[in-house]
Amino acid sequence: MTFKLPDNVSTMEGGLMEPLAVVMHACELSNAKLGETAVVLGAGYIGLVTLMSLKARGVSEIYVADVLDKRLEKAKELGAARVFNSRNENIEEFVNLYPFHKDEVIKAVIKM
């Protein structure tokens, strides 16, 4: 199925609509809500949009893990409570060490 993009929407922006819709739907299905905590595994486009979608739903603390520092910097800019470089930090250890309930864990990574 194809849709004609409005003149004011670039093909780049149009191409990002489907993944954005998938993320927003996933966050809705997760039932994440105000005051909860979430962990996002992966800080590429999908992970960053997941972070923004969770924040929009009122999730108060969002932890993000990735292997690329550049992506983690962007996650921090977008409001991640803490970021983890999985090459040298263990997010699972952190999550298990601290006495908070993890309401949602969302994987935003692709195996290649």
Protein backbone atom coordinates (compact mmCIF):
# COMPACT_ATOMS: atom_id res chain seq x y z
CA MET A 1 0.00 0.00 0.00
CA THR A 2 1.34 3.45 -0.83
CA PHE A 3 0.27 6.92 0.12
CA LYS A 4 1.07 10.20 -1.60
CA LEU A 5 2.95 12.45 0.78
CA PRO A 6 1.68 15.99 1.20
CA ASP A 7 3.90 18.60 -0.47
CA ASN A 8 5.15 19.85 2.90
CA VAL A 9 6.45 16.37 3.95
CA SER A 10 9.85 15.26 2.60
CA THR A 11 10.49 11.66 1.58
CA MET A 12 12.90 11.41 4.54
CA GLU A 13 10.16 12.48 6.96
CA GLY A 14 7.63 10.24 5.23
CA GLY A 15 9.93 7.24 5.53
CA LEU A 16 10.12 7.69 9.28
CA MET A 17 6.35 7.69 9.84
CA GLU A 18 5.90 3.90 9.79
CA PRO A 19 8.61 3.13 12.38
CA LEU A 20 7.28 5.98 14.52
CA ALA A 21 3.76 4.53 14.38
CA VAL A 22 5.09 1.07 15.33
CA VAL A 23 6.94 2.49 18.35
CA MET A 24 3.95 4.50 19.53
CA HIS A 25 1.74 1.43 19.21
CA ALA A 26 4.28 -0.71 21.13
CA CYS A 27 4.43 1.87 23.93
CA GLU A 28 0.64 1.93 24.05
CA LEU A 29 0.49 -1.88 24.24
CA SER A 30 3.09 -1.86 27.01
CA ASN A 31 0.67 0.20 29.10
CA ALA A 32 3.60 2.33 30.34
CA LYS A 33 2.25 5.23 32.34
CA LEU A 34 2.95 8.23 34.52
CA GLY A 35 5.59 7.68 37.18
CA GLU A 36 6.84 4.30 35.95
CA THR A 37 10.37 3.25 35.04
CA ALA A 38 11.51 1.74 31.75
CA VAL A 39 14.65 0.29 30.18
CA VAL A 40 15.28 0.73 26.44
CA LEU A 41 17.82 -1.61 24.87
CA GLY A 42 19.19 0.12 21.78
CA ALA A 43 19.58 3.83 20.99
CA GLY A 44 19.25 3.91 17.22
CA TYR A 45 16.27 5.62 15.57
CA ILE A 46 13.75 3.15 17.03
CA GLY A 47 15.27 3.31 20.52
CA LEU A 48 15.38 7.11 20.56
CA VAL A 49 11.80 7.39 19.34
CA THR A 50 10.84 4.84 22.01
CA LEU A 51 12.52 7.05 24.62
CA MET A 52 10.55 10.09 23.40
CA SER A 53 7.29 8.14 23.25
CA LEU A 54 7.74 6.82 26.79
CA LYS A 55 8.50 10.33 28.04
CA ALA A 56 5.35 11.59 26.33
CA ARG A 57 3.39 8.90 28.22
CA GLY A 58 4.79 10.23 31.51
CA VAL A 59 7.32 7.49 32.27
CA SER A 60 9.56 9.17 34.84
CA GLU A 61 12.86 7.27 34.60
CA ILE A 62 14.11 5.77 31.36
CA TYR A 63 17.44 3.95 31.18
CA VAL A 64 19.01 3.41 27.76
CA ALA A 65 21.74 0.97 26.68
CA ASP A 66 23.69 0.86 23.41
CA VAL A 67 27.24 0.19 22.21
CA LEU A 68 27.81 3.53 20.44
CA ASP A 69 28.64 6.59 22.54
CA LYS A 70 27.25 8.98 19.90
CA ARG A 71 23.82 7.36 20.20
CA LEU A 72 24.01 7.41 23.98
CA GLU A 73 24.84 11.14 23.95
CA LYS A 74 21.67 11.74 21.92
CA ALA A 75 19.64 9.60 24.36
CA LYS A 76 20.95 11.73 27.24
CA GLU A 77 20.02 14.92 25.32
CA LEU A 78 16.51 13.53 24.85
CA GLY A 79 16.07 12.93 28.57
CA ALA A 80 17.34 9.45 29.46
CA ALA A 81 17.84 9.21 33.23
CA ARG A 82 21.06 7.25 32.66
CA VAL A 83 22.79 5.70 29.68
CA PHE A 84 24.95 2.59 29.50
CA ASN A 85 27.57 1.59 26.96
CA SER A 86 27.00 -2.16 26.85
CA ARG A 87 30.57 -2.78 25.70
CA ASN A 88 31.92 -1.83 29.12
CA GLU A 89 28.93 -1.47 31.47
CA ASN A 90 26.36 -4.04 32.49
CA ILE A 91 22.87 -2.53 32.55
CA GLU A 92 21.44 -5.78 33.92
CA GLU A 93 23.77 -5.53 36.92
CA PHE A 94 22.64 -1.92 37.53
CA VAL A 95 18.96 -2.79 37.21
CA ASN A 96 19.30 -5.71 39.64
CA LEU A 97 21.41 -3.73 42.11
CA TYR A 98 19.04 -0.83 42.66
CA PRO A 99 15.76 -1.28 44.52
CA PHE A 100 13.35 0.05 41.94
CA HIS A 101 10.70 -1.77 39.99
CA LYS A 102 11.28 -1.97 36.26
CA ASP A 103 7.85 -1.60 34.76
CA GLU A 104 8.84 -1.96 31.11
CA VAL A 105 11.82 -3.28 29.17
CA ILE A 106 11.70 -2.46 25.48
CA LYS A 107 14.14 -3.95 23.01
CA ALA A 108 14.89 -1.61 20.13
CA VAL A 109 17.72 -3.53 18.50
CA ILE A 110 18.03 -5.51 15.30
CA LYS A 111 20.14 -8.66 15.09
CA MET A 112 22.27 -8.78 11.97
